[in-house]
């Protein structure tokens, strides 16, 4: 599992700003000297950071019934968070398409449960769609380590990688997180 403990303070410019979740608003960033950034949505539904479009800083948002996930950085961004949901093999095939059955079998062979594998594929496809706007995505497993899987796909001549991992938060079912990651 991934450690999800979060600090209760923000350090910037040798200042420590303590807060609780109910007190957090834009004030800590303003006090620390950061620019306040607004998120706006294009007609396509894609979020953008207002005023930072020309600096190639992109953002991706995802949410489920309880949690929100946000990633931001230079270049294409994509993320997804999804509760790991129980479905039968037939239901997963209907949801993901028959074409992804071999990928599902590869994940089952490396000890993913059916529901982990199905949710992992779903989340990875969603994250990659957000980063690329591609409709036809044919993921391949690049690497596995413990309960993490790194997928790869080439879209319009550019290679993308998507890291997926299950996470147990304080409440509700385990979730799968998918993040488009940059090659370094």
C-alpha atoms as a PDB file:
ATOM      1  CA  UNK A   1       0.000   0.000   0.000  1.00  0.00           C
ATOM      2  CA  UNK A   2       0.974   3.611  -0.523  1.00  0.00           C
ATOM      3  CA  UNK A   3       1.459   5.790   2.562  1.00  0.00           C
ATOM      4  CA  UNK A   4      -1.338   8.360   2.461  1.00  0.00           C
ATOM      5  CA  UNK A   5      -0.528  10.270   5.634  1.00  0.00           C
ATOM      6  CA  UNK A   6      -0.489  13.992   4.963  1.00  0.00           C
ATOM      7  CA  UNK A   7       1.350  16.668   6.921  1.00  0.00           C
ATOM      8  CA  UNK A   8      -0.670  19.248   8.793  1.00  0.00           C
ATOM      9  CA  UNK A   9       1.573  22.136   7.891  1.00  0.00           C
ATOM     10  CA  UNK A  10       2.911  23.791   4.762  1.00  0.00           C
ATOM     11  CA  UNK A  11       6.488  25.091   4.686  1.00  0.00           C
ATOM     12  CA  UNK A  12       7.445  27.845   2.256  1.00  0.00           C
ATOM     13  CA  UNK A  13      10.084  30.546   2.417  1.00  0.00           C
ATOM     14  CA  UNK A  14      11.035  29.530   5.978  1.00  0.00           C
ATOM     15  CA  UNK A  15       7.456  30.048   7.168  1.00  0.00           C
ATOM     16  CA  UNK A  16       5.302  27.275   8.569  1.00  0.00           C
ATOM     17  CA  UNK A  17       1.559  27.607   8.159  1.00  0.00           C
ATOM     18  CA  UNK A  18      -0.500  25.246  10.285  1.00  0.00           C
ATOM     19  CA  UNK A  19      -4.044  24.401   9.261  1.00  0.00           C
ATOM     20  CA  UNK A  20      -6.812  21.901   9.619  1.00  0.00           C
ATOM     21  CA  UNK A  21      -8.909  20.571   6.770  1.00  0.00           C
ATOM     22  CA  UNK A  22     -11.856  22.765   7.803  1.00  0.00           C
ATOM     23  CA  UNK A  23      -9.702  25.915   7.853  1.00  0.00           C
ATOM     24  CA  UNK A  24      -7.933  25.373   4.527  1.00  0.00           C
ATOM     25  CA  UNK A  25      -8.744  27.915   1.830  1.00  0.00           C
ATOM     26  CA  UNK A  26      -6.644  30.028  -0.513  1.00  0.00           C
ATOM     27  CA  UNK A  27      -5.139  32.010   2.371  1.00  0.00           C
ATOM     28  CA  UNK A  28      -2.143  29.718   3.120  1.00  0.00           C
ATOM     29  CA  UNK A  29      -0.894  30.050  -0.447  1.00  0.00           C
ATOM     30  CA  UNK A  30      -1.297  33.823  -0.380  1.00  0.00           C
ATOM     31  CA  UNK A  31       0.477  34.177   2.972  1.00  0.00           C
ATOM     32  CA  UNK A  32       3.362  32.028   1.733  1.00  0.00           C
ATOM     33  CA  UNK A  33       3.777  34.279  -1.294  1.00  0.00           C
ATOM     34  CA  UNK A  34       2.341  31.965  -3.932  1.00  0.00           C
ATOM     35  CA  UNK A  35       0.120  33.220  -6.740  1.00  0.00           C
ATOM     36  CA  UNK A  36      -3.527  32.260  -6.341  1.00  0.00           C
ATOM     37  CA  UNK A  37      -4.503  30.081  -9.293  1.00  0.00           C
ATOM     38  CA  UNK A  38      -8.018  29.539 -10.615  1.00  0.00           C
ATOM     39  CA  UNK A  39      -9.154  26.469 -12.512  1.00  0.00           C
ATOM     40  CA  UNK A  40     -11.500  27.003 -15.439  1.00  0.00           C
ATOM     41  CA  UNK A  41     -13.015  24.507 -17.856  1.00  0.00           C
ATOM     42  CA  UNK A  42     -12.872  24.524 -21.630  1.00  0.00           C
ATOM     43  CA  UNK A  43     -15.995  23.657 -23.633  1.00  0.00           C
ATOM     44  CA  UNK A  44     -14.526  20.151 -24.001  1.00  0.00           C
ATOM     45  CA  UNK A  45     -14.628  19.735 -20.210  1.00  0.00           C
ATOM     46  CA  UNK A  46     -10.842  19.846 -19.850  1.00  0.00           C
ATOM     47  CA  UNK A  47      -9.663  21.883 -16.847  1.00  0.00           C
ATOM     48  CA  UNK A  48      -6.962  24.533 -17.335  1.00  0.00           C
ATOM     49  CA  UNK A  49      -5.048  26.731 -14.903  1.00  0.00           C
ATOM     50  CA  UNK A  50      -6.113  30.264 -15.727  1.00  0.00           C
ATOM     51  CA  UNK A  51      -3.148  32.453 -16.599  1.00  0.00           C
ATOM     52  CA  UNK A  52      -0.700  29.563 -16.912  1.00  0.00           C
ATOM     53  CA  UNK A  53      -1.795  28.185 -20.291  1.00  0.00           C
ATOM     54  CA  UNK A  54       1.190  29.721 -22.115  1.00  0.00           C
ATOM     55  CA  UNK A  55       3.654  28.248 -19.600  1.00  0.00           C
ATOM     56  CA  UNK A  56       2.498  24.726 -20.563  1.00  0.00           C
ATOM     57  CA  UNK A  57       1.372  24.001 -17.001  1.00  0.00           C
ATOM     58  CA  UNK A  58      -1.497  21.551 -17.273  1.00  0.00           C
ATOM     59  CA  UNK A  59      -3.903  20.079 -14.753  1.00  0.00           C
ATOM     60  CA  UNK A  60      -6.044  16.962 -14.524  1.00  0.00           C
ATOM     61  CA  UNK A  61      -8.840  16.314 -12.050  1.00  0.00           C
ATOM     62  CA  UNK A  62     -10.679  13.158 -11.091  1.00  0.00           C
ATOM     63  CA  UNK A  63     -13.292  12.362  -8.489  1.00  0.00           C
ATOM     64  CA  UNK A  64     -15.475   9.547  -7.335  1.00  0.00           C
ATOM     65  CA  UNK A  65     -18.302   9.576  -4.808  1.00  0.00           C
ATOM     66  CA  UNK A  66     -16.001  10.612  -1.930  1.00  0.00           C
ATOM     67  CA  UNK A  67     -12.597  11.807  -3.065  1.00  0.00           C
ATOM     68  CA  UNK A  68     -10.988  14.219  -5.509  1.00  0.00           C
ATOM     69  CA  UNK A  69      -7.562  13.792  -7.075  1.00  0.00           C
ATOM     70  CA  UNK A  70      -5.624  16.554  -8.833  1.00  0.00           C
ATOM     71  CA  UNK A  71      -2.298  16.515 -10.650  1.00  0.00           C
ATOM     72  CA  UNK A  72      -0.541  19.478 -12.245  1.00  0.00           C
ATOM     73  CA  UNK A  73       2.729  19.927 -14.045  1.00  0.00           C
ATOM     74  CA  UNK A  74       4.462  20.653 -17.317  1.00  0.00           C
ATOM     75  CA  UNK A  75       3.266  18.665 -20.301  1.00  0.00           C
ATOM     76  CA  UNK A  76       0.241  16.415 -20.654  1.00  0.00           C
ATOM     77  CA  UNK A  77      -1.450  15.478 -17.386  1.00  0.00           C
ATOM     78  CA  UNK A  78      -3.959  12.750 -16.646  1.00  0.00           C
ATOM     79  CA  UNK A  79      -5.244  11.092 -13.496  1.00  0.00           C
ATOM     80  CA  UNK A  80      -8.100   8.924 -12.326  1.00  0.00           C
ATOM     81  CA  UNK A  81      -9.337   7.531  -9.033  1.00  0.00           C
ATOM     82  CA  UNK A  82     -11.951   4.789  -8.957  1.00  0.00           C
ATOM     83  CA  UNK A  83     -13.366   2.547  -6.240  1.00  0.00           C
ATOM     84  CA  UNK A  84     -12.417  -1.080  -6.766  1.00  0.00           C
ATOM     85  CA  UNK A  85     -15.774  -2.539  -7.692  1.00  0.00           C
ATOM     86  CA  UNK A  86     -16.871  -6.173  -7.770  1.00  0.00           C
ATOM     87  CA  UNK A  87     -17.957  -7.377 -11.215  1.00  0.00           C
ATOM     88  CA  UNK A  88     -18.023 -10.732 -12.949  1.00  0.00           C
ATOM     89  CA  UNK A  89     -15.600 -11.576 -15.767  1.00  0.00           C
ATOM     90  CA  UNK A  90     -18.432 -11.027 -18.262  1.00  0.00           C
ATOM     91  CA  UNK A  91     -19.298  -7.629 -16.773  1.00  0.00           C
ATOM     92  CA  UNK A  92     -15.662  -6.506 -16.918  1.00  0.00           C
ATOM     93  CA  UNK A  93     -15.380  -7.671 -20.535  1.00  0.00           C
ATOM     94  CA  UNK A  94     -18.554  -5.784 -21.462  1.00  0.00           C
ATOM     95  CA  UNK A  95     -17.289  -2.629 -19.732  1.00  0.00           C
ATOM     96  CA  UNK A  96     -13.680  -2.699 -20.971  1.00  0.00           C
ATOM     97  CA  UNK A  97     -14.274  -4.363 -24.382  1.00  0.00           C
ATOM     98  CA  UNK A  98     -13.272  -7.780 -25.604  1.00  0.00           C
ATOM     99  CA  UNK A  99     -10.083  -6.279 -27.090  1.00  0.00           C
ATOM    100  CA  UNK A 100      -8.736  -5.696 -23.548  1.00  0.00           C
ATOM    101  CA  UNK A 101      -9.273  -9.325 -22.455  1.00  0.00           C
ATOM    102  CA  UNK A 102      -5.615 -10.297 -23.132  1.00  0.00           C
ATOM    103  CA  UNK A 103      -4.455  -7.383 -20.954  1.00  0.00           C
ATOM    104  CA  UNK A 104      -6.844  -8.523 -18.216  1.00  0.00           C
ATOM    105  CA  UNK A 105      -5.378 -12.043 -18.439  1.00  0.00           C
ATOM    106  CA  UNK A 106      -1.824 -10.669 -18.144  1.00  0.00           C
ATOM    107  CA  UNK A 107      -2.794  -8.801 -14.971  1.00  0.00           C
ATOM    108  CA  UNK A 108      -4.456 -11.897 -13.524  1.00  0.00           C
ATOM    109  CA  UNK A 109      -1.248 -13.837 -14.269  1.00  0.00           C
ATOM    110  CA  UNK A 110       0.769 -11.388 -12.110  1.00  0.00           C
ATOM    111  CA  UNK A 111      -1.651 -11.955  -9.207  1.00  0.00           C
ATOM    112  CA  UNK A 112      -4.091  -9.074  -9.620  1.00  0.00           C
ATOM    113  CA  UNK A 113      -7.595 -10.037  -8.559  1.00  0.00           C
ATOM    114  CA  UNK A 114     -10.277  -9.765 -11.229  1.00  0.00           C
ATOM    115  CA  UNK A 115     -11.639  -6.553  -9.694  1.00  0.00           C
ATOM    116  CA  UNK A 116      -8.195  -4.995  -9.197  1.00  0.00           C
ATOM    117  CA  UNK A 117      -7.284  -5.790 -12.807  1.00  0.00           C
ATOM    118  CA  UNK A 118     -10.544  -4.456 -14.236  1.00  0.00           C
ATOM    119  CA  UNK A 119     -10.486  -1.268 -12.185  1.00  0.00           C
ATOM    120  CA  UNK A 120      -6.769  -0.803 -12.961  1.00  0.00           C
ATOM    121  CA  UNK A 121      -7.405  -0.965 -16.723  1.00  0.00           C
ATOM    122  CA  UNK A 122     -10.435   1.341 -16.450  1.00  0.00           C
ATOM    123  CA  UNK A 123      -8.502   3.953 -14.433  1.00  0.00           C
ATOM    124  CA  UNK A 124      -5.427   3.800 -16.701  1.00  0.00           C
ATOM    125  CA  UNK A 125      -7.536   4.308 -19.828  1.00  0.00           C
ATOM    126  CA  UNK A 126      -9.371   7.250 -18.230  1.00  0.00           C
ATOM    127  CA  UNK A 127      -6.116   8.928 -17.141  1.00  0.00           C
ATOM    128  CA  UNK A 128      -4.585   8.502 -20.594  1.00  0.00           C
ATOM    129  CA  UNK A 129      -7.715   9.865 -22.298  1.00  0.00           C
ATOM    130  CA  UNK A 130      -7.507  12.980 -20.140  1.00  0.00           C
ATOM    131  CA  UNK A 131      -3.854  13.493 -21.092  1.00  0.00           C
ATOM    132  CA  UNK A 132      -4.197  12.801 -24.820  1.00  0.00           C
ATOM    133  CA  UNK A 133      -7.873  13.059 -25.858  1.00  0.00           C
ATOM    134  CA  UNK A 134      -7.285   9.715 -27.617  1.00  0.00           C
ATOM    135  CA  UNK A 135     -10.253   7.415 -28.090  1.00  0.00           C
ATOM    136  CA  UNK A 136      -8.452   4.242 -29.183  1.00  0.00           C
ATOM    137  CA  UNK A 137      -6.107   3.227 -26.387  1.00  0.00           C
ATOM    138  CA  UNK A 138      -4.221  -0.072 -26.490  1.00  0.00           C
ATOM    139  CA  UNK A 139      -2.323  -0.346 -23.211  1.00  0.00           C
ATOM    140  CA  UNK A 140       0.632  -2.664 -22.701  1.00  0.00           C
ATOM    141  CA  UNK A 141       2.269  -3.582 -19.413  1.00  0.00           C
ATOM    142  CA  UNK A 142       5.712  -1.966 -19.194  1.00  0.00           C
ATOM    143  CA  UNK A 143       6.592  -3.023 -15.642  1.00  0.00           C
ATOM    144  CA  UNK A 144       5.104  -4.450 -12.457  1.00  0.00           C
ATOM    145  CA  UNK A 145       6.410  -4.137  -8.926  1.00  0.00           C
ATOM    146  CA  UNK A 146       4.482  -5.328  -5.882  1.00  0.00           C
ATOM    147  CA  UNK A 147       0.951  -3.951  -6.359  1.00  0.00           C
ATOM    148  CA  UNK A 148       1.971  -1.236  -8.854  1.00  0.00           C
ATOM    149  CA  UNK A 149       1.632  -1.600 -12.617  1.00  0.00           C
ATOM    150  CA  UNK A 150       3.168   0.746 -15.176  1.00  0.00           C
ATOM    151  CA  UNK A 151       1.401   0.745 -18.549  1.00  0.00           C
ATOM    152  CA  UNK A 152       2.671   2.256 -21.782  1.00  0.00           C
ATOM    153  CA  UNK A 153       0.975   3.401 -24.970  1.00  0.00           C
ATOM    154  CA  UNK A 154       1.990   5.422 -28.017  1.00  0.00           C
ATOM    155  CA  UNK A 155      -0.453   8.152 -29.043  1.00  0.00           C
ATOM    156  CA  UNK A 156       0.213  10.309 -32.120  1.00  0.00           C
ATOM    157  CA  UNK A 157       3.886   9.314 -32.108  1.00  0.00           C
ATOM    158  CA  UNK A 158       4.471  10.156 -28.430  1.00  0.00           C
ATOM    159  CA  UNK A 159       4.979   7.488 -25.782  1.00  0.00           C
ATOM    160  CA  UNK A 160       2.974   7.799 -22.579  1.00  0.00           C
ATOM    161  CA  UNK A 161       3.233   5.843 -19.348  1.00  0.00           C
ATOM    162  CA  UNK A 162       0.508   5.396 -16.751  1.00  0.00           C
ATOM    163  CA  UNK A 163       1.323   4.300 -13.194  1.00  0.00           C
ATOM    164  CA  UNK A 164      -1.483   2.498 -11.354  1.00  0.00           C
ATOM    165  CA  UNK A 165      -1.688   1.425  -7.729  1.00  0.00           C
ATOM    166  CA  UNK A 166      -4.391   0.521  -5.200  1.00  0.00           C
ATOM    167  CA  UNK A 167      -4.829   2.754  -2.200  1.00  0.00           C
ATOM    168  CA  UNK A 168      -6.789   2.328   1.031  1.00  0.00           C
ATOM    169  CA  UNK A 169      -8.005   5.648   2.395  1.00  0.00           C
ATOM    170  CA  UNK A 170      -9.657   6.193   5.753  1.00  0.00           C
ATOM    171  CA  UNK A 171     -13.187   5.342   4.614  1.00  0.00           C
ATOM    172  CA  UNK A 172     -14.921   3.388   1.929  1.00  0.00           C
ATOM    173  CA  UNK A 173     -13.641   0.727  -0.423  1.00  0.00           C
ATOM    174  CA  UNK A 174     -10.097   0.453  -1.668  1.00  0.00           C
ATOM    175  CA  UNK A 175      -9.497   2.609  -4.735  1.00  0.00           C
ATOM    176  CA  UNK A 176      -7.286   2.429  -7.785  1.00  0.00           C
ATOM    177  CA  UNK A 177      -5.231   5.501  -8.687  1.00  0.00           C
ATOM    178  CA  UNK A 178      -3.861   6.054 -12.195  1.00  0.00           C
ATOM    179  CA  UNK A 179      -1.365   8.812 -13.028  1.00  0.00           C
ATOM    180  CA  UNK A 180       0.201   9.686 -16.370  1.00  0.00           C
ATOM    181  CA  UNK A 181       3.911   9.938 -15.580  1.00  0.00           C
ATOM    182  CA  UNK A 182       6.681  11.625 -17.540  1.00  0.00           C
ATOM    183  CA  UNK A 183       9.788   9.866 -18.831  1.00  0.00           C
ATOM    184  CA  UNK A 184      12.900  11.130 -17.082  1.00  0.00           C
END
